[in-house]
PDB file of N, CA and C in Angstrom:
ATOM      1  N   MET A   1     -54.165 115.552  99.381  1.00  0.00           N
ATOM      2  CA  MET A   1     -53.630 116.156 100.574  1.00  0.00           C
ATOM      3  C   MET A   1     -52.612 117.220 100.196  1.00  0.00           C
ATOM      4  N   ASP A   2     -52.953 118.443 100.488  1.00  0.00           N
ATOM      5  CA  ASP A   2     -52.053 119.553 100.195  1.00  0.00           C
ATOM      6  C   ASP A   2     -50.996 119.671 101.283  1.00  0.00           C
ATOM      7  N   LYS A   3     -49.762 119.783 100.845  1.00  0.00           N
ATOM      8  CA  LYS A   3     -48.679 120.031 101.787  1.00  0.00           C
ATOM      9  C   LYS A   3     -48.246 121.473 101.646  1.00  0.00           C
ATOM     10  N   GLU A   4     -47.928 122.068 102.779  1.00  0.00           N
ATOM     11  CA  GLU A   4     -47.447 123.449 102.768  1.00  0.00           C
ATOM     12  C   GLU A   4     -46.065 123.484 102.141  1.00  0.00           C
ATOM     13  N   ARG A   5     -45.905 124.247 101.055  1.00  0.00           N
ATOM     14  CA  ARG A   5     -44.621 124.301 100.360  1.00  0.00           C
ATOM     15  C   ARG A   5     -43.886 125.598 100.613  1.00  0.00           C
ATOM     16  N   ARG A   6     -44.554 126.545 101.265  1.00  0.00           N
ATOM     17  CA  ARG A   6     -43.871 127.798 101.569  1.00  0.00           C
ATOM     18  C   ARG A   6     -42.881 127.573 102.697  1.00  0.00           C
ATOM     19  N   LYS A   7     -41.807 128.321 102.660  1.00  0.00           N
ATOM     20  CA  LYS A   7     -40.818 128.247 103.724  1.00  0.00           C
ATOM     21  C   LYS A   7     -41.198 129.232 104.820  1.00  0.00           C
ATOM     22  N   ALA A   8     -40.707 128.993 106.016  1.00  0.00           N
ATOM     23  CA  ALA A   8     -41.054 129.838 107.161  1.00  0.00           C
ATOM     24  C   ALA A   8     -40.735 131.307 106.902  1.00  0.00           C
ATOM     25  N   ALA A   9     -39.601 131.591 106.273  1.00  0.00           N
ATOM     26  CA  ALA A   9     -39.216 132.979 106.031  1.00  0.00           C
ATOM     27  C   ALA A   9     -40.226 133.676 105.124  1.00  0.00           C
ATOM     28  N   ARG A  10     -40.728 132.978 104.150  1.00  0.00           N
ATOM     29  CA  ARG A  10     -41.704 133.585 103.246  1.00  0.00           C
ATOM     30  C   ARG A  10     -43.048 133.749 103.929  1.00  0.00           C
ATOM     31  N   ALA A  11     -43.421 132.810 104.762  1.00  0.00           N
ATOM     32  CA  ALA A  11     -44.705 132.899 105.429  1.00  0.00           C
ATOM     33  C   ALA A  11     -44.679 133.960 106.528  1.00  0.00           C
ATOM     34  N   GLU A  12     -43.569 134.060 107.242  1.00  0.00           N
ATOM     35  CA  GLU A  12     -43.481 134.963 108.375  1.00  0.00           C
ATOM     36  C   GLU A  12     -43.274 136.409 107.946  1.00  0.00           C
ATOM     37  N   TYR A  13     -42.456 136.638 106.934  1.00  0.00           N
ATOM     38  CA  TYR A  13     -42.148 137.985 106.477  1.00  0.00           C
ATOM     39  C   TYR A  13     -42.747 138.188 105.090  1.00  0.00           C
ATOM     40  N   PRO A  14     -43.619 139.196 104.948  1.00  0.00           N
ATOM     41  CA  PRO A  14     -44.257 139.402 103.647  1.00  0.00           C
ATOM     42  C   PRO A  14     -43.262 139.557 102.509  1.00  0.00           C
ATOM     43  N   ASN A  15     -42.146 140.209 102.777  1.00  0.00           N
ATOM     44  CA  ASN A  15     -41.140 140.408 101.735  1.00  0.00           C
ATOM     45  C   ASN A  15     -39.978 139.446 101.926  1.00  0.00           C
ATOM     46  N   GLY A  16     -40.217 138.335 102.611  1.00  0.00           N
ATOM     47  CA  GLY A  16     -39.169 137.385 102.940  1.00  0.00           C
ATOM     48  C   GLY A  16     -38.431 136.843 101.742  1.00  0.00           C
ATOM     49  N   ARG A  17     -39.070 136.826 100.598  1.00  0.00           N
ATOM     50  CA  ARG A  17     -38.397 136.291  99.412  1.00  0.00           C
ATOM     51  C   ARG A  17     -37.215 137.156  99.001  1.00  0.00           C
ATOM     52  N   GLU A  18     -37.190 138.389  99.505  1.00  0.00           N
ATOM     53  CA  GLU A  18     -36.102 139.299  99.175  1.00  0.00           C
ATOM     54  C   GLU A  18     -35.002 139.284 100.228  1.00  0.00           C
ATOM     55  N   LEU A  19     -35.202 138.535 101.300  1.00  0.00           N
ATOM     56  CA  LEU A  19     -34.191 138.432 102.347  1.00  0.00           C
ATOM     57  C   LEU A  19     -33.448 137.117 102.194  1.00  0.00           C
ATOM     58  N   ASN A  20     -32.137 137.170 102.333  1.00  0.00           N
ATOM     59  CA  ASN A  20     -31.371 135.932 102.266  1.00  0.00           C
ATOM     60  C   ASN A  20     -31.410 135.265 103.652  1.00  0.00           C
ATOM     61  N   PRO A  21     -30.950 134.025 103.772  1.00  0.00           N
ATOM     62  CA  PRO A  21     -31.031 133.322 105.062  1.00  0.00           C
ATOM     63  C   PRO A  21     -30.326 134.051 106.208  1.00  0.00           C
ATOM     64  N   ALA A  22     -29.204 134.709 105.948  1.00  0.00           N
ATOM     65  CA  ALA A  22     -28.504 135.445 107.005  1.00  0.00           C
ATOM     66  C   ALA A  22     -29.344 136.619 107.494  1.00  0.00           C
ATOM     67  N   GLN A  23     -30.024 137.307 106.582  1.00  0.00           N
ATOM     68  CA  GLN A  23     -30.865 138.441 106.958  1.00  0.00           C
ATOM     69  C   GLN A  23     -32.098 137.975 107.726  1.00  0.00           C
ATOM     70  N   VAL A  24     -32.671 136.856 107.313  1.00  0.00           N
ATOM     71  CA  VAL A  24     -33.838 136.308 108.012  1.00  0.00           C
ATOM     72  C   VAL A  24     -33.459 135.941 109.441  1.00  0.00           C
ATOM     73  N   ALA A  25     -32.298 135.312 109.624  1.00  0.00           N
ATOM     74  CA  ALA A  25     -31.838 134.934 110.961  1.00  0.00           C
ATOM     75  C   ALA A  25     -31.583 136.170 111.820  1.00  0.00           C
ATOM     76  N   ALA A  26     -30.941 137.179 111.246  1.00  0.00           N
ATOM     77  CA  ALA A  26     -30.662 138.405 111.993  1.00  0.00           C
ATOM     78  C   ALA A  26     -31.955 139.121 112.362  1.00  0.00           C
ATOM     79  N   LEU A  27     -32.900 139.172 111.445  1.00  0.00           N
ATOM     80  CA  LEU A  27     -34.177 139.829 111.711  1.00  0.00           C
ATOM     81  C   LEU A  27     -34.921 139.103 112.819  1.00  0.00           C
ATOM     82  N   SER A  28     -34.876 137.792 112.808  1.00  0.00           N
ATOM     83  CA  SER A  28     -35.516 137.013 113.861  1.00  0.00           C
ATOM     84  C   SER A  28     -34.927 137.368 115.228  1.00  0.00           C
ATOM     85  N   ASP A  29     -33.613 137.485 115.300  1.00  0.00           N
ATOM     86  CA  ASP A  29     -32.958 137.865 116.555  1.00  0.00           C
ATOM     87  C   ASP A  29     -33.329 139.294 116.959  1.00  0.00           C
ATOM     88  N   LEU A  30     -33.333 140.215 116.006  1.00  0.00           N
ATOM     89  CA  LEU A  30     -33.653 141.613 116.307  1.00  0.00           C
ATOM     90  C   LEU A  30     -35.088 141.776 116.802  1.00  0.00           C
ATOM     91  N   GLU A  31     -35.992 140.992 116.257  1.00  0.00           N
ATOM     92  CA  GLU A  31     -37.397 141.095 116.659  1.00  0.00           C
ATOM     93  C   GLU A  31     -37.583 140.728 118.128  1.00  0.00           C
ATOM     94  N   ARG A  32     -36.725 139.888 118.655  1.00  0.00           N
ATOM     95  CA  ARG A  32     -36.805 139.549 120.089  1.00  0.00           C
ATOM     96  C   ARG A  32     -36.539 140.766 120.962  1.00  0.00           C
ATOM     97  N   PHE A  33     -35.827 141.750 120.414  1.00  0.00           N
ATOM     98  CA  PHE A  33     -35.517 142.969 121.152  1.00  0.00           C
ATOM     99  C   PHE A  33     -36.411 144.135 120.734  1.00  0.00           C
ATOM    100  N   GLY A  34     -37.446 143.856 119.958  1.00  0.00           N
ATOM    101  CA  GLY A  34     -38.416 144.876 119.586  1.00  0.00           C
ATOM    102  C   GLY A  34     -38.191 145.557 118.259  1.00  0.00           C
ATOM    103  N   TRP A  35     -37.095 145.239 117.555  1.00  0.00           N
ATOM    104  CA  TRP A  35     -36.862 145.835 116.238  1.00  0.00           C
ATOM    105  C   TRP A  35     -37.905 145.287 115.266  1.00  0.00           C
ATOM    106  N   GLU A  36     -38.197 146.062 114.232  1.00  0.00           N
ATOM    107  CA  GLU A  36     -39.237 145.682 113.285  1.00  0.00           C
ATOM    108  C   GLU A  36     -38.819 146.021 111.850  1.00  0.00           C
ATOM    109  N   LEU A  37     -39.053 145.088 110.938  1.00  0.00           N
ATOM    110  CA  LEU A  37     -38.826 145.346 109.511  1.00  0.00           C
ATOM    111  C   LEU A  37     -39.911 146.290 109.041  1.00  0.00           C
ATOM    112  N   LYS A  38     -39.525 147.469 108.568  1.00  0.00           N
ATOM    113  CA  LYS A  38     -40.505 148.457 108.131  1.00  0.00           C
ATOM    114  C   LYS A  38     -40.737 148.410 106.630  1.00  0.00           C
ATOM    115  N   PHE A  39     -39.661 148.345 105.872  1.00  0.00           N
ATOM    116  CA  PHE A  39     -39.810 148.286 104.416  1.00  0.00           C
ATOM    117  C   PHE A  39     -38.504 147.806 103.807  1.00  0.00           C
ATOM    118  N   ILE A  40     -38.570 147.538 102.520  1.00  0.00           N
ATOM    119  CA  ILE A  40     -37.383 147.129 101.778  1.00  0.00           C
ATOM    120  C   ILE A  40     -37.206 148.103 100.621  1.00  0.00           C
ATOM    121  N   ARG A  41     -36.085 148.797 100.616  1.00  0.00           N
ATOM    122  CA  ARG A  41     -35.766 149.705  99.498  1.00  0.00           C
ATOM    123  C   ARG A  41     -35.349 148.852  98.311  1.00  0.00           C
ATOM    124  N   ARG A  42     -35.744 149.276  97.138  1.00  0.00           N
ATOM    125  CA  ARG A  42     -35.405 148.554  95.915  1.00  0.00           C
ATOM    126  C   ARG A  42     -34.766 149.509  94.911  1.00  0.00           C
ATOM    127  N   PRO A  43     -33.497 149.873  95.141  1.00  0.00           N
ATOM    128  CA  PRO A  43     -32.832 150.772  94.186  1.00  0.00           C
ATOM    129  C   PRO A  43     -32.641 150.068  92.831  1.00  0.00           C
ATOM    130  N   LEU A  44     -32.752 150.842  91.775  1.00  0.00           N
ATOM    131  CA  LEU A  44     -32.593 150.271  90.439  1.00  0.00           C
ATOM    132  C   LEU A  44     -31.211 149.661  90.258  1.00  0.00           C
ATOM    133  N   PHE A  45     -31.182 148.468  89.703  1.00  0.00           N
ATOM    134  CA  PHE A  45     -29.949 147.763  89.347  1.00  0.00           C
ATOM    135  C   PHE A  45     -29.041 147.480  90.550  1.00  0.00           C
ATOM    136  N   GLN A  46     -29.620 147.440  91.747  1.00  0.00           N
ATOM    137  CA  GLN A  46     -28.862 147.129  92.961  1.00  0.00           C
ATOM    138  C   GLN A  46     -29.661 146.136  93.798  1.00  0.00           C
ATOM    139  N   GLU A  47     -28.990 145.552  94.788  1.00  0.00           N
ATOM    140  CA  GLU A  47     -29.680 144.625  95.671  1.00  0.00           C
ATOM    141  C   GLU A  47     -30.676 145.368  96.555  1.00  0.00           C
ATOM    142  N   SER A  48     -31.706 144.663  97.004  1.00  0.00           N
ATOM    143  CA  SER A  48     -32.687 145.241  97.914  1.00  0.00           C
ATOM    144  C   SER A  48     -32.038 145.555  99.252  1.00  0.00           C
ATOM    145  N   VAL A  49     -32.590 146.568  99.939  1.00  0.00           N
ATOM    146  CA  VAL A  49     -32.037 147.017 101.215  1.00  0.00           C
ATOM    147  C   VAL A  49     -33.147 146.962 102.271  1.00  0.00           C
ATOM    148  N   PRO A  50     -33.148 145.935 103.154  1.00  0.00           N
ATOM    149  CA  PRO A  50     -34.153 145.875 104.219  1.00  0.00           C
ATOM    150  C   PRO A  50     -33.862 146.900 105.310  1.00  0.00           C
ATOM    151  N   VAL A  51     -34.874 147.695 105.669  1.00  0.00           N
ATOM    152  CA  VAL A  51     -34.726 148.748 106.669  1.00  0.00           C
ATOM    153  C   VAL A  51     -35.538 148.359 107.902  1.00  0.00           C
ATOM    154  N   VAL A  52     -34.883 148.390 109.067  1.00  0.00           N
ATOM    155  CA  VAL A  52     -35.529 148.045 110.332  1.00  0.00           C
ATOM    156  C   VAL A  52     -35.506 149.256 111.264  1.00  0.00           C
ATOM    157  N   PHE A  53     -36.489 149.322 112.163  1.00  0.00           N
ATOM    158  CA  PHE A  53     -36.583 150.392 113.147  1.00  0.00           C
ATOM    159  C   PHE A  53     -36.499 149.808 114.543  1.00  0.00           C
ATOM    160  N   ASP A  54     -35.918 150.603 115.463  1.00  0.00           N
ATOM    161  CA  ASP A  54     -35.819 150.179 116.855  1.00  0.00           C
ATOM    162  C   ASP A  54     -37.198 150.263 117.520  1.00  0.00           C
ATOM    163  N   PRO A  55     -37.338 149.701 118.726  1.00  0.00           N
ATOM    164  CA  PRO A  55     -38.652 149.692 119.376  1.00  0.00           C
ATOM    165  C   PRO A  55     -39.233 151.085 119.633  1.00  0.00           C
ATOM    166  N   ASP A  56     -38.390 152.074 119.853  1.00  0.00           N
ATOM    167  CA  ASP A  56     -38.872 153.431 120.106  1.00  0.00           C
ATOM    168  C   ASP A  56     -39.152 154.210 118.835  1.00  0.00           C
ATOM    169  N   ARG A  57     -38.834 153.632 117.699  1.00  0.00           N
ATOM    170  CA  ARG A  57     -39.016 154.247 116.384  1.00  0.00           C
ATOM    171  C   ARG A  57     -38.225 155.545 116.238  1.00  0.00           C
ATOM    172  N   LYS A  58     -37.105 155.626 116.921  1.00  0.00           N
ATOM    173  CA  LYS A  58     -36.265 156.813 116.839  1.00  0.00           C
ATOM    174  C   LYS A  58     -35.060 156.587 115.925  1.00  0.00           C
ATOM    175  N   HIS A  59     -34.652 155.346 115.770  1.00  0.00           N
ATOM    176  CA  HIS A  59     -33.473 155.024 114.967  1.00  0.00           C
ATOM    177  C   HIS A  59     -33.820 153.947 113.947  1.00  0.00           C
ATOM    178  N   PHE A  60     -33.157 154.008 112.825  1.00  0.00           N
ATOM    179  CA  PHE A  60     -33.323 152.973 111.819  1.00  0.00           C
ATOM    180  C   PHE A  60     -31.962 152.407 111.485  1.00  0.00           C
ATOM    181  N   ALA A  61     -31.978 151.237 110.890  1.00  0.00           N
ATOM    182  CA  ALA A  61     -30.742 150.583 110.471  1.00  0.00           C
ATOM    183  C   ALA A  61     -31.062 149.710 109.266  1.00  0.00           C
ATOM    184  N   VAL A  62     -30.008 149.240 108.622  1.00  0.00           N
ATOM    185  CA  VAL A  62     -30.132 148.387 107.441  1.00  0.00           C
ATOM    186  C   VAL A  62     -29.546 147.023 107.764  1.00  0.00           C
ATOM    187  N   LEU A  63     -30.209 145.981 107.293  1.00  0.00           N
ATOM    188  CA  LEU A  63     -29.654 144.635 107.411  1.00  0.00           C
ATOM    189  C   LEU A  63     -28.781 144.383 106.192  1.00  0.00           C
ATOM    190  N   THR A  64     -27.501 144.151 106.421  1.00  0.00           N
ATOM    191  CA  THR A  64     -26.590 143.898 105.306  1.00  0.00           C
ATOM    192  C   THR A  64     -26.779 142.484 104.788  1.00  0.00           C
ATOM    193  N   ALA A  65     -26.205 142.181 103.656  1.00  0.00           N
ATOM    194  CA  ALA A  65     -26.313 140.851 103.057  1.00  0.00           C
ATOM    195  C   ALA A  65     -25.704 139.780 103.954  1.00  0.00           C
ATOM    196  N   GLU A  66     -24.756 140.176 104.818  1.00  0.00           N
ATOM    197  CA  GLU A  66     -24.113 139.220 105.727  1.00  0.00           C
ATOM    198  C   GLU A  66     -24.944 139.001 106.988  1.00  0.00           C
ATOM    199  N   GLY A  67     -26.037 139.762 107.152  1.00  0.00           N
ATOM    200  CA  GLY A  67     -26.896 139.621 108.313  1.00  0.00           C
ATOM    201  C   GLY A  67     -26.490 140.500 109.478  1.00  0.00           C
ATOM    202  N   THR A  68     -25.642 141.488 109.225  1.00  0.00           N
ATOM    203  CA  THR A  68     -25.253 142.416 110.286  1.00  0.00           C
ATOM    204  C   THR A  68     -26.104 143.674 110.204  1.00  0.00           C
ATOM    205  N   LEU A  69     -26.090 144.433 111.282  1.00  0.00           N
ATOM    206  CA  LEU A  69     -26.879 145.647 111.369  1.00  0.00           C
ATOM    207  C   LEU A  69     -25.993 146.845 111.065  1.00  0.00           C
ATOM    208  N   ASP A  70     -26.367 147.636 110.061  1.00  0.00           N
ATOM    209  CA  ASP A  70     -25.634 148.851 109.702  1.00  0.00           C
ATOM    210  C   ASP A  70     -26.460 150.043 110.166  1.00  0.00           C
ATOM    211  N   GLU A  71     -26.027 150.678 111.257  1.00  0.00           N
ATOM    212  CA  GLU A  71     -26.785 151.795 111.814  1.00  0.00           C
ATOM    213  C   GLU A  71     -26.449 153.125 111.157  1.00  0.00           C
ATOM    214  N   HIS A  72     -25.496 153.142 110.242  1.00  0.00           N
ATOM    215  CA  HIS A  72     -25.122 154.351 109.505  1.00  0.00           C
ATOM    216  C   HIS A  72     -25.051 154.019 108.011  1.00  0.00           C
ATOM    217  N   PRO A  73     -26.211 153.794 107.379  1.00  0.00           N
ATOM    218  CA  PRO A  73     -26.205 153.317 105.989  1.00  0.00           C
ATOM    219  C   PRO A  73     -25.889 154.363 104.932  1.00  0.00           C
ATOM    220  N   GLY A  74     -25.875 155.632 105.289  1.00  0.00           N
ATOM    221  CA  GLY A  74     -25.524 156.645 104.301  1.00  0.00           C
ATOM    222  C   GLY A  74     -26.709 157.278 103.604  1.00  0.00           C
ATOM    223  N   PHE A  75     -27.914 157.076 104.127  1.00  0.00           N
ATOM    224  CA  PHE A  75     -29.093 157.762 103.592  1.00  0.00           C
ATOM    225  C   PHE A  75     -30.022 158.090 104.748  1.00  0.00           C
ATOM    226  N   ASP A  76     -30.937 159.035 104.531  1.00  0.00           N
ATOM    227  CA  ASP A  76     -31.883 159.459 105.561  1.00  0.00           C
ATOM    228  C   ASP A  76     -33.272 158.941 105.235  1.00  0.00           C
ATOM    229  N   ILE A  77     -34.071 158.828 106.265  1.00  0.00           N
ATOM    230  CA  ILE A  77     -35.466 158.425 106.119  1.00  0.00           C
ATOM    231  C   ILE A  77     -36.312 159.664 106.359  1.00  0.00           C
ATOM    232  N   ARG A  78     -37.300 159.885 105.503  1.00  0.00           N
ATOM    233  CA  ARG A  78     -38.203 161.021 105.672  1.00  0.00           C
ATOM    234  C   ARG A  78     -39.005 160.873 106.949  1.00  0.00           C
ATOM    235  N   LYS A  79     -39.311 161.991 107.572  1.00  0.00           N
ATOM    236  CA  LYS A  79     -40.126 161.962 108.801  1.00  0.00           C
ATOM    237  C   LYS A  79     -41.475 162.537 108.546  1.00  0.00           C
TER     238      LYS A  79
END
Protein backbone atom coordinates (compact mmCIF):
# COMPACT_ATOMS: atom_id res chain seq x y z
CA MET A 1 0.00 0.00 0.00
CA ASP A 2 1.59 3.20 -1.20
CA LYS A 3 1.09 6.24 0.96
CA GLU A 4 1.32 9.71 -0.47
CA ARG A 5 4.51 11.24 0.94
CA ARG A 6 4.43 14.54 -0.89
CA LYS A 7 3.31 17.55 1.06
CA ALA A 8 0.43 19.71 -0.12
CA ALA A 9 2.72 22.63 -0.97
CA ARG A 10 4.83 20.47 -3.26
CA ALA A 11 1.84 18.87 -4.92
CA GLU A 12 -0.09 22.10 -5.38
CA TYR A 13 2.76 24.35 -6.53
CA PRO A 14 5.21 22.97 -9.10
CA ASN A 15 8.05 24.97 -7.57
CA GLY A 16 6.69 24.58 -4.04
CA ARG A 17 9.93 23.07 -2.81
CA GLU A 18 11.47 26.51 -3.21
CA LEU A 19 8.79 28.26 -1.16
CA ASN A 20 8.99 28.32 2.61
CA PRO A 21 5.83 27.74 4.71
CA ALA A 22 5.19 31.49 5.13
CA GLN A 23 5.35 32.02 1.36
CA VAL A 24 3.07 29.04 0.69
CA ALA A 25 0.50 30.42 3.15
CA ALA A 26 0.68 33.91 1.64
CA LEU A 27 0.38 32.54 -1.89
CA SER A 28 -2.66 30.53 -0.88
CA ASP A 29 -4.31 33.69 0.45
CA LEU A 30 -3.34 35.73 -2.64
CA GLU A 31 -4.77 33.11 -4.99
CA ARG A 32 -8.20 33.65 -3.42
CA PHE A 33 -8.03 37.19 -4.81
CA GLY A 34 -6.85 36.09 -8.26
CA TRP A 35 -3.08 36.55 -7.87
CA GLU A 36 -0.98 33.89 -9.56
CA LEU A 37 2.58 32.58 -9.11
CA LYS A 38 4.19 33.15 -12.50
CA PHE A 39 7.80 32.16 -11.96
CA ILE A 40 10.61 31.98 -9.46
CA ARG A 41 13.79 33.96 -10.11
CA ARG A 42 16.95 32.13 -9.14
CA PRO A 43 19.77 34.68 -8.84
CA LEU A 44 23.22 33.16 -8.40
CA PHE A 45 24.31 32.74 -4.78
CA GLN A 46 21.06 34.28 -3.48
CA GLU A 47 17.71 33.00 -2.29
CA SER A 48 14.98 32.31 -4.84
CA VAL A 49 12.50 35.11 -5.52
CA PRO A 50 8.86 34.04 -6.20
CA VAL A 51 7.12 36.51 -8.54
CA VAL A 52 3.32 36.82 -8.55
CA PHE A 53 0.98 38.75 -10.87
CA ASP A 54 -2.34 40.41 -10.08
CA PRO A 55 -5.54 39.16 -11.75
CA ASP A 56 -5.38 41.84 -14.46
CA ARG A 57 -1.73 40.99 -15.21
CA LYS A 58 -0.82 44.66 -14.97
CA HIS A 59 1.21 44.55 -11.75
CA PHE A 60 3.70 42.12 -10.31
CA ALA A 61 5.05 41.65 -6.82
CA VAL A 62 7.50 39.46 -4.94
CA LEU A 63 6.74 37.19 -2.01
CA THR A 64 9.33 37.89 0.67
CA ALA A 65 10.76 35.18 2.92
CA GLU A 66 8.44 36.42 5.69
CA GLY A 67 5.40 35.83 3.46
CA THR A 68 4.66 39.49 2.77
CA LEU A 69 4.01 41.05 -0.60
CA ASP A 70 6.67 43.45 -1.94
CA GLU A 71 5.11 45.48 -4.75
CA HIS A 72 8.32 47.47 -5.35
CA PRO A 73 11.08 44.83 -5.51
CA GLY A 74 13.64 46.94 -7.34
CA PHE A 75 13.65 45.18 -10.71
CA ASP A 76 11.50 45.26 -13.86
CA ILE A 77 9.80 42.47 -15.74
CA ARG A 78 10.14 42.34 -19.52
CA LYS A 79 6.94 42.87 -21.49
